[in-house]
Amino acid sequence: LAVVASDSTVRGGVLFPETCRKMTRFIRLCGQF
């Protein structure tokens, strides 16, 4: 199982541009398979 999870102990769990790019890359990897 792949997990994408908020962590509000870091910057309150707020989404920044680099957060989005990290999530996008991981989600696309999971989608390949």
Full PDB file with SEQRES, HELIX, SHEET, SSBOND, CRYST1, ORIGX, SCALE, CONECT and MASTER records, all heavy atoms in Angstrom:
SEQRES   1 A   33  LEU ALA VAL VAL ALA SER ASP SER THR VAL ARG GLY GLY          
SEQRES   2 A   33  VAL LEU PHE PRO GLU THR CYS ARG LYS MET THR ARG PHE          
SEQRES   3 A   33  ILE ARG LEU CYS GLY GLN PHE                                  
HELIX    1 AA1 ARG A   11  GLY A   13  5                                   3    
HELIX    2 AA2 PRO A   17  GLN A   32  1                                  16    
CRYST1    1.000    1.000    1.000  90.00  90.00  90.00 P 1           1          
ORIGX1      1.000000  0.000000  0.000000        0.00000                         
ORIGX2      0.000000  1.000000  0.000000        0.00000                         
ORIGX3      0.000000  0.000000  1.000000        0.00000                         
SCALE1      1.000000  0.000000  0.000000        0.00000                         
SCALE2      0.000000  1.000000  0.000000        0.00000                         
SCALE3      0.000000  0.000000  1.000000        0.00000                         
ATOM      1  N   LEU A   1       0.856  -1.184   0.000  1.00  0.00           N  
ATOM      2  CA  LEU A   1       0.000   0.000   0.000  1.00  0.00           C  
ATOM      3  C   LEU A   1       0.890   1.231   0.000  1.00  0.00           C  
ATOM      4  O   LEU A   1       1.837   1.321   0.785  1.00  0.00           O  
ATOM      5  CB  LEU A   1      -0.906   0.014   1.233  1.00  0.00           C  
ATOM      6  CG  LEU A   1      -1.824   1.239   1.393  1.00  0.00           C  
ATOM      7  CD1 LEU A   1      -2.920   1.224   0.332  1.00  0.00           C  
ATOM      8  CD2 LEU A   1      -2.437   1.282   2.793  1.00  0.00           C  
ATOM      9  N   ALA A   2       0.605   2.179  -0.886  1.00  0.00           N  
ATOM     10  CA  ALA A   2       1.293   3.470  -0.877  1.00  0.00           C  
ATOM     11  C   ALA A   2       0.525   4.433   0.019  1.00  0.00           C  
ATOM     12  O   ALA A   2      -0.708   4.372   0.097  1.00  0.00           O  
ATOM     13  CB  ALA A   2       1.397   4.024  -2.288  1.00  0.00           C  
ATOM     14  N   VAL A   3       1.249   5.317   0.675  1.00  0.00           N  
ATOM     15  CA  VAL A   3       0.637   6.267   1.606  1.00  0.00           C  
ATOM     16  C   VAL A   3       1.070   7.681   1.254  1.00  0.00           C  
ATOM     17  O   VAL A   3       2.264   7.949   1.050  1.00  0.00           O  
ATOM     18  CB  VAL A   3       1.038   5.949   3.065  1.00  0.00           C  
ATOM     19  CG1 VAL A   3       0.512   7.030   4.013  1.00  0.00           C  
ATOM     20  CG2 VAL A   3       0.510   4.583   3.479  1.00  0.00           C  
ATOM     21  N   VAL A   4       0.092   8.576   1.168  1.00  0.00           N  
ATOM     22  CA  VAL A   4       0.327  10.025   1.081  1.00  0.00           C  
ATOM     23  C   VAL A   4      -0.376  10.622   2.286  1.00  0.00           C  
ATOM     24  O   VAL A   4      -1.598  10.505   2.410  1.00  0.00           O  
ATOM     25  CB  VAL A   4      -0.243  10.612  -0.222  1.00  0.00           C  
ATOM     26  CG1 VAL A   4      -0.068  12.129  -0.242  1.00  0.00           C  
ATOM     27  CG2 VAL A   4       0.417   9.990  -1.442  1.00  0.00           C  
ATOM     28  N   ALA A   5       0.388  11.224   3.194  1.00  0.00           N  
ATOM     29  CA  ALA A   5      -0.202  11.645   4.468  1.00  0.00           C  
ATOM     30  C   ALA A   5       0.261  13.046   4.854  1.00  0.00           C  
ATOM     31  O   ALA A   5       1.438  13.390   4.692  1.00  0.00           O  
ATOM     32  CB  ALA A   5       0.179  10.654   5.573  1.00  0.00           C  
ATOM     33  N   SER A   6      -0.663  13.838   5.365  1.00  0.00           N  
ATOM     34  CA  SER A   6      -0.300  15.140   5.931  1.00  0.00           C  
ATOM     35  C   SER A   6       0.514  14.942   7.202  1.00  0.00           C  
ATOM     36  O   SER A   6       0.292  13.979   7.939  1.00  0.00           O  
ATOM     37  CB  SER A   6      -1.554  15.944   6.272  1.00  0.00           C  
ATOM     38  OG  SER A   6      -2.469  15.977   5.204  1.00  0.00           O  
ATOM     39  N   ASP A   7       1.432  15.858   7.471  1.00  0.00           N  
ATOM     40  CA  ASP A   7       2.141  15.864   8.755  1.00  0.00           C  
ATOM     41  C   ASP A   7       2.125  17.281   9.304  1.00  0.00           C  
ATOM     42  O   ASP A   7       2.935  18.122   8.918  1.00  0.00           O  
ATOM     43  CB  ASP A   7       3.579  15.371   8.585  1.00  0.00           C  
ATOM     44  CG  ASP A   7       4.289  15.203   9.927  1.00  0.00           C  
ATOM     45  OD1 ASP A   7       3.681  15.552  10.963  1.00  0.00           O  
ATOM     46  OD2 ASP A   7       5.435  14.734   9.949  1.00  0.00           O  
ATOM     47  N   SER A   8       1.181  17.547  10.192  1.00  0.00           N  
ATOM     48  CA  SER A   8       1.025  18.904  10.719  1.00  0.00           C  
ATOM     49  C   SER A   8       2.094  19.262  11.742  1.00  0.00           C  
ATOM     50  O   SER A   8       2.106  20.387  12.239  1.00  0.00           O  
ATOM     51  CB  SER A   8      -0.370  19.085  11.319  1.00  0.00           C  
ATOM     52  OG  SER A   8      -0.618  18.128  12.329  1.00  0.00           O  
ATOM     53  N   THR A   9       3.012  18.334  12.067  1.00  0.00           N  
ATOM     54  CA  THR A   9       4.159  18.705  12.908  1.00  0.00           C  
ATOM     55  C   THR A   9       5.197  19.472  12.093  1.00  0.00           C  
ATOM     56  O   THR A   9       6.135  20.033  12.667  1.00  0.00           O  
ATOM     57  CB  THR A   9       4.823  17.460  13.534  1.00  0.00           C  
ATOM     58  OG1 THR A   9       5.463  16.696  12.522  1.00  0.00           O  
ATOM     59  CG2 THR A   9       3.815  16.605  14.277  1.00  0.00           C  
ATOM     60  N   VAL A  10       5.061  19.490  10.771  1.00  0.00           N  
ATOM     61  CA  VAL A  10       5.978  20.221   9.887  1.00  0.00           C  
ATOM     62  C   VAL A  10       5.175  21.281   9.140  1.00  0.00           C  
ATOM     63  O   VAL A  10       4.250  20.960   8.388  1.00  0.00           O  
ATOM     64  CB  VAL A  10       6.662  19.276   8.873  1.00  0.00           C  
ATOM     65  CG1 VAL A  10       7.606  20.063   7.965  1.00  0.00           C  
ATOM     66  CG2 VAL A  10       7.404  18.163   9.585  1.00  0.00           C  
ATOM     67  N   ARG A  11       5.455  22.527   9.404  1.00  0.00           N  
ATOM     68  CA  ARG A  11       4.811  23.664   8.724  1.00  0.00           C  
ATOM     69  C   ARG A  11       3.284  23.552   8.754  1.00  0.00           C  
ATOM     70  O   ARG A  11       2.586  23.997   7.846  1.00  0.00           O  
ATOM     71  CB  ARG A  11       5.323  23.820   7.289  1.00  0.00           C  
ATOM     72  CG  ARG A  11       6.812  24.120   7.221  1.00  0.00           C  
ATOM     73  CD  ARG A  11       7.217  24.770   5.912  1.00  0.00           C  
ATOM     74  NE  ARG A  11       7.232  23.848   4.784  1.00  0.00           N  
ATOM     75  CZ  ARG A  11       7.725  24.155   3.581  1.00  0.00           C  
ATOM     76  NH1 ARG A  11       8.216  25.367   3.358  1.00  0.00           N  
ATOM     77  NH2 ARG A  11       7.721  23.278   2.609  1.00  0.00           N  
ATOM     78  N   GLY A  12       2.773  22.930   9.830  1.00  0.00           N  
ATOM     79  CA  GLY A  12       1.333  22.868  10.033  1.00  0.00           C  
ATOM     80  C   GLY A  12       0.582  21.991   9.051  1.00  0.00           C  
ATOM     81  O   GLY A  12      -0.646  21.998   9.032  1.00  0.00           O  
ATOM     82  N   GLY A  13       1.308  21.219   8.229  1.00  0.00           N  
ATOM     83  CA  GLY A  13       0.636  20.415   7.220  1.00  0.00           C  
ATOM     84  C   GLY A  13       0.132  21.228   6.038  1.00  0.00           C  
ATOM     85  O   GLY A  13      -0.623  20.724   5.205  1.00  0.00           O  
ATOM     86  N   VAL A  14       0.566  22.492   5.942  1.00  0.00           N  
ATOM     87  CA  VAL A  14       0.154  23.372   4.850  1.00  0.00           C  
ATOM     88  C   VAL A  14       0.862  22.938   3.565  1.00  0.00           C  
ATOM     89  O   VAL A  14       2.009  22.482   3.584  1.00  0.00           O  
ATOM     90  CB  VAL A  14       0.495  24.842   5.187  1.00  0.00           C  
ATOM     91  CG1 VAL A  14       0.144  25.765   4.028  1.00  0.00           C  
ATOM     92  CG2 VAL A  14      -0.245  25.268   6.454  1.00  0.00           C  
ATOM     93  N   LEU A  15       0.193  23.091   2.424  1.00  0.00           N  
ATOM     94  CA  LEU A  15       0.725  22.665   1.136  1.00  0.00           C  
ATOM     95  C   LEU A  15       1.416  23.821   0.431  1.00  0.00           C  
ATOM     96  O   LEU A  15       0.810  24.868   0.181  1.00  0.00           O  
ATOM     97  CB  LEU A  15      -0.405  22.124   0.264  1.00  0.00           C  
ATOM     98  CG  LEU A  15      -1.187  20.953   0.862  1.00  0.00           C  
ATOM     99  CD1 LEU A  15      -2.466  20.708   0.083  1.00  0.00           C  
ATOM    100  CD2 LEU A  15      -0.328  19.707   0.899  1.00  0.00           C  
ATOM    101  N   PHE A  16       2.681  23.634   0.087  1.00  0.00           N  
ATOM    102  CA  PHE A  16       3.497  24.607  -0.631  1.00  0.00           C  
ATOM    103  C   PHE A  16       3.751  24.096  -2.051  1.00  0.00           C  
ATOM    104  O   PHE A  16       3.449  22.940  -2.367  1.00  0.00           O  
ATOM    105  CB  PHE A  16       4.822  24.814   0.105  1.00  0.00           C  
ATOM    106  CG  PHE A  16       4.702  25.509   1.434  1.00  0.00           C  
ATOM    107  CD1 PHE A  16       4.268  24.821   2.563  1.00  0.00           C  
ATOM    108  CD2 PHE A  16       5.015  26.853   1.557  1.00  0.00           C  
ATOM    109  CE1 PHE A  16       4.149  25.457   3.789  1.00  0.00           C  
ATOM    110  CE2 PHE A  16       4.906  27.500   2.782  1.00  0.00           C  
ATOM    111  CZ  PHE A  16       4.471  26.803   3.902  1.00  0.00           C  
ATOM    112  N   PRO A  17       4.324  24.903  -2.938  1.00  0.00           N  
ATOM    113  CA  PRO A  17       4.620  24.404  -4.288  1.00  0.00           C  
ATOM    114  C   PRO A  17       5.465  23.144  -4.282  1.00  0.00           C  
ATOM    115  O   PRO A  17       5.192  22.192  -5.018  1.00  0.00           O  
ATOM    116  CB  PRO A  17       5.350  25.581  -4.948  1.00  0.00           C  
ATOM    117  CG  PRO A  17       4.826  26.783  -4.251  1.00  0.00           C  
ATOM    118  CD  PRO A  17       4.615  26.353  -2.830  1.00  0.00           C  
ATOM    119  N   GLU A  18       6.501  23.110  -3.426  1.00  0.00           N  
ATOM    120  CA  GLU A  18       7.367  21.930  -3.391  1.00  0.00           C  
ATOM    121  C   GLU A  18       6.640  20.711  -2.816  1.00  0.00           C  
ATOM    122  O   GLU A  18       6.933  19.567  -3.174  1.00  0.00           O  
ATOM    123  CB  GLU A  18       8.646  22.215  -2.595  1.00  0.00           C  
ATOM    124  CG  GLU A  18       8.446  22.650  -1.159  1.00  0.00           C  
ATOM    125  CD  GLU A  18       8.320  24.145  -0.980  1.00  0.00           C  
ATOM    126  OE1 GLU A  18       7.893  24.838  -1.944  1.00  0.00           O  
ATOM    127  OE2 GLU A  18       8.637  24.640   0.110  1.00  0.00           O  
ATOM    128  N   THR A  19       5.662  20.958  -1.925  1.00  0.00           N  
ATOM    129  CA  THR A  19       4.846  19.855  -1.414  1.00  0.00           C  
ATOM    130  C   THR A  19       4.059  19.224  -2.558  1.00  0.00           C  
ATOM    131  O   THR A  19       3.997  17.997  -2.695  1.00  0.00           O  
ATOM    132  CB  THR A  19       3.847  20.344  -0.358  1.00  0.00           C  
ATOM    133  OG1 THR A  19       4.381  21.440   0.368  1.00  0.00           O  
ATOM    134  CG2 THR A  19       3.448  19.232   0.579  1.00  0.00           C  
ATOM    135  N   CYS A  20       3.456  20.073  -3.367  1.00  0.00           N  
ATOM    136  CA  CYS A  20       2.653  19.581  -4.490  1.00  0.00           C  
ATOM    137  C   CYS A  20       3.512  18.781  -5.457  1.00  0.00           C  
ATOM    138  O   CYS A  20       3.096  17.720  -5.942  1.00  0.00           O  
ATOM    139  CB  CYS A  20       2.008  20.755  -5.221  1.00  0.00           C  
ATOM    140  SG  CYS A  20       0.852  21.713  -4.226  1.00  0.00           S  
ATOM    141  N   ARG A  21       4.723  19.278  -5.733  1.00  0.00           N  
ATOM    142  CA  ARG A  21       5.579  18.574  -6.693  1.00  0.00           C  
ATOM    143  C   ARG A  21       6.029  17.226  -6.141  1.00  0.00           C  
ATOM    144  O   ARG A  21       6.115  16.235  -6.882  1.00  0.00           O  
ATOM    145  CB  ARG A  21       6.768  19.463  -7.073  1.00  0.00           C  
ATOM    146  CG  ARG A  21       6.367  20.626  -7.985  1.00  0.00           C  
ATOM    147  CD  ARG A  21       7.552  21.389  -8.505  1.00  0.00           C  
ATOM    148  NE  ARG A  21       8.000  22.394  -7.582  1.00  0.00           N  
ATOM    149  CZ  ARG A  21       7.589  23.663  -7.574  1.00  0.00           C  
ATOM    150  NH1 ARG A  21       6.684  24.073  -8.462  1.00  0.00           N  
ATOM    151  NH2 ARG A  21       8.064  24.542  -6.711  1.00  0.00           N  
ATOM    152  N   LYS A  22       6.324  17.175  -4.856  1.00  0.00           N  
ATOM    153  CA  LYS A  22       6.682  15.899  -4.234  1.00  0.00           C  
ATOM    154  C   LYS A  22       5.524  14.907  -4.335  1.00  0.00           C  
ATOM    155  O   LYS A  22       5.721  13.735  -4.700  1.00  0.00           O  
ATOM    156  CB  LYS A  22       7.050  16.132  -2.764  1.00  0.00           C  
ATOM    157  CG  LYS A  22       7.263  14.864  -1.949  1.00  0.00           C  
ATOM    158  CD  LYS A  22       7.570  15.196  -0.487  1.00  0.00           C  
ATOM    159  CE  LYS A  22       7.695  13.947   0.371  1.00  0.00           C  
ATOM    160  NZ  LYS A  22       8.038  14.273   1.779  1.00  0.00           N  
ATOM    161  N   MET A  23       4.317  15.351  -4.027  1.00  0.00           N  
ATOM    162  CA  MET A  23       3.150  14.480  -4.073  1.00  0.00           C  
ATOM    163  C   MET A  23       2.867  14.021  -5.504  1.00  0.00           C  
ATOM    164  O   MET A  23       2.571  12.849  -5.755  1.00  0.00           O  
ATOM    165  CB  MET A  23       1.938  15.213  -3.501  1.00  0.00           C  
ATOM    166  CG  MET A  23       2.047  15.527  -2.019  1.00  0.00           C  
ATOM    167  SD  MET A  23       0.787  16.710  -1.453  1.00  0.00           S  
ATOM    168  CE  MET A  23      -0.696  15.709  -1.592  1.00  0.00           C  
ATOM    169  N   THR A  24       2.978  14.952  -6.453  1.00  0.00           N  
ATOM    170  CA  THR A  24       2.715  14.628  -7.851  1.00  0.00           C  
ATOM    171  C   THR A  24       3.650  13.542  -8.350  1.00  0.00           C  
ATOM    172  O   THR A  24       3.224  12.573  -9.005  1.00  0.00           O  
ATOM    173  CB  THR A  24       2.859  15.888  -8.718  1.00  0.00           C  
ATOM    174  OG1 THR A  24       1.883  16.853  -8.307  1.00  0.00           O  
ATOM    175  CG2 THR A  24       2.676  15.578 -10.192  1.00  0.00           C  
ATOM    176  N   ARG A  25       4.922  13.681  -8.054  1.00  0.00           N  
ATOM    177  CA  ARG A  25       5.908  12.685  -8.496  1.00  0.00           C  
ATOM    178  C   ARG A  25       5.594  11.307  -7.926  1.00  0.00           C  
ATOM    179  O   ARG A  25       5.636  10.296  -8.635  1.00  0.00           O  
ATOM    180  CB  ARG A  25       7.307  13.152  -8.060  1.00  0.00           C  
ATOM    181  CG  ARG A  25       8.450  12.250  -8.482  1.00  0.00           C  
ATOM    182  CD  ARG A  25       9.732  12.784  -7.885  1.00  0.00           C  
ATOM    183  NE  ARG A  25      10.890  11.984  -8.242  1.00  0.00           N  
ATOM    184  CZ  ARG A  25      12.083  12.100  -7.647  1.00  0.00           C  
ATOM    185  NH1 ARG A  25      12.259  13.000  -6.676  1.00  0.00           N  
ATOM    186  NH2 ARG A  25      13.097  11.341  -8.009  1.00  0.00           N  
ATOM    187  N   PHE A  26       5.239  11.258  -6.654  1.00  0.00           N  
ATOM    188  CA  PHE A  26       4.959   9.977  -6.008  1.00  0.00           C  
ATOM    189  C   PHE A  26       3.670   9.358  -6.548  1.00  0.00           C  
ATOM    190  O   PHE A  26       3.611   8.146  -6.816  1.00  0.00           O  
ATOM    191  CB  PHE A  26       4.853  10.188  -4.497  1.00  0.00           C  
ATOM    192  CG  PHE A  26       4.654   8.915  -3.713  1.00  0.00           C  
ATOM    193  CD1 PHE A  26       5.685   8.011  -3.553  1.00  0.00           C  
ATOM    194  CD2 PHE A  26       3.425   8.632  -3.137  1.00  0.00           C  
ATOM    195  CE1 PHE A  26       5.503   6.831  -2.835  1.00  0.00           C  
ATOM    196  CE2 PHE A  26       3.231   7.463  -2.413  1.00  0.00           C  
ATOM    197  CZ  PHE A  26       4.284   6.560  -2.270  1.00  0.00           C  
ATOM    198  N   ILE A  27       2.649  10.169  -6.742  1.00  0.00           N  
ATOM    199  CA  ILE A  27       1.371   9.651  -7.230  1.00  0.00           C  
ATOM    200  C   ILE A  27       1.525   9.110  -8.653  1.00  0.00           C  
ATOM    201  O   ILE A  27       0.953   8.080  -9.014  1.00  0.00           O  
ATOM    202  CB  ILE A  27       0.297  10.747  -7.147  1.00  0.00           C  
ATOM    203  CG1 ILE A  27      -0.035  11.029  -5.675  1.00  0.00           C  
ATOM    204  CG2 ILE A  27      -0.963  10.371  -7.917  1.00  0.00           C  
ATOM    205  CD1 ILE A  27      -0.715  12.348  -5.434  1.00  0.00           C  
ATOM    206  N   ARG A  28       2.318   9.801  -9.467  1.00  0.00           N  
ATOM    207  CA  ARG A  28       2.551   9.314 -10.831  1.00  0.00           C  
ATOM    208  C   ARG A  28       3.317   7.994 -10.819  1.00  0.00           C  
ATOM    209  O   ARG A  28       3.047   7.109 -11.637  1.00  0.00           O  
ATOM    210  CB  ARG A  28       3.274  10.372 -11.644  1.00  0.00           C  
ATOM    211  CG  ARG A  28       2.357  11.533 -12.045  1.00  0.00           C  
ATOM    212  CD  ARG A  28       3.069  12.617 -12.813  1.00  0.00           C  
ATOM    213  NE  ARG A  28       2.111  13.613 -13.293  1.00  0.00           N  
ATOM    214  CZ  ARG A  28       2.424  14.846 -13.645  1.00  0.00           C  
ATOM    215  NH1 ARG A  28       3.683  15.265 -13.583  1.00  0.00           N  
ATOM    216  NH2 ARG A  28       1.496  15.684 -14.083  1.00  0.00           N  
ATOM    217  N   LEU A  29       4.274   7.866  -9.923  1.00  0.00           N  
ATOM    218  CA  LEU A  29       4.982   6.588  -9.790  1.00  0.00           C  
ATOM    219  C   LEU A  29       3.995   5.475  -9.449  1.00  0.00           C  
ATOM    220  O   LEU A  29       3.992   4.414 -10.091  1.00  0.00           O  
ATOM    221  CB  LEU A  29       6.054   6.697  -8.701  1.00  0.00           C  
ATOM    222  CG  LEU A  29       6.615   5.373  -8.166  1.00  0.00           C  
ATOM    223  CD1 LEU A  29       7.292   4.578  -9.281  1.00  0.00           C  
ATOM    224  CD2 LEU A  29       7.577   5.625  -7.010  1.00  0.00           C  
ATOM    225  N   CYS A  30       3.154   5.701  -8.472  1.00  0.00           N  
ATOM    226  CA  CYS A  30       2.187   4.671  -8.077  1.00  0.00           C  
ATOM    227  C   CYS A  30       1.247   4.335  -9.229  1.00  0.00           C  
ATOM    228  O   CYS A  30       0.897   3.170  -9.453  1.00  0.00           O  
ATOM    229  CB  CYS A  30       1.394   5.137  -6.863  1.00  0.00           C  
ATOM    230  SG  CYS A  30       2.411   5.362  -5.371  1.00  0.00           S  
ATOM    231  N   GLY A  31       0.863   5.368  -9.984  1.00  0.00           N  
ATOM    232  CA  GLY A  31      -0.051   5.153 -11.089  1.00  0.00           C  
ATOM    233  C   GLY A  31       0.532   4.316 -12.207  1.00  0.00           C  
ATOM    234  O   GLY A  31      -0.207   3.633 -12.931  1.00  0.00           O  
ATOM    235  N   GLN A  32       1.854   4.348 -12.371  1.00  0.00           N  
ATOM    236  CA  GLN A  32       2.492   3.550 -13.425  1.00  0.00           C  
ATOM    237  C   GLN A  32       2.212   2.062 -13.251  1.00  0.00           C  
ATOM    238  O   GLN A  32       2.182   1.314 -14.233  1.00  0.00           O  
ATOM    239  CB  GLN A  32       4.002   3.791 -13.420  1.00  0.00           C  
ATOM    240  CG  GLN A  32       4.412   5.172 -13.879  1.00  0.00           C  
ATOM    241  CD  GLN A  32       5.892   5.422 -13.643  1.00  0.00           C  
ATOM    242  OE1 GLN A  32       6.693   4.492 -13.541  1.00  0.00           O  
ATOM    243  NE2 GLN A  32       6.278   6.684 -13.562  1.00  0.00           N  
ATOM    244  N   PHE A  33       2.033   1.635 -12.005  1.00  0.00           N  
ATOM    245  CA  PHE A  33       1.820   0.218 -11.721  1.00  0.00           C  
ATOM    246  C   PHE A  33       0.492  -0.036 -11.011  1.00  0.00           C  
ATOM    247  O   PHE A  33       0.235  -1.140 -10.551  1.00  0.00           O  
ATOM    248  CB  PHE A  33       2.994  -0.321 -10.890  1.00  0.00           C  
ATOM    249  CG  PHE A  33       4.324  -0.125 -11.559  1.00  0.00           C  
ATOM    250  CD1 PHE A  33       5.122   0.955 -11.236  1.00  0.00           C  
ATOM    251  CD2 PHE A  33       4.745  -0.992 -12.547  1.00  0.00           C  
ATOM    252  CE1 PHE A  33       6.342   1.157 -11.872  1.00  0.00           C  
ATOM    253  CE2 PHE A  33       5.957  -0.813 -13.192  1.00  0.00           C  
ATOM    254  CZ  PHE A  33       6.761   0.270 -12.856  1.00  0.00           C  
TER     255      PHE A  33                                                      
MASTER        0    0    0    2    0    0    0    6  254    1    0    3          
END                                                                             
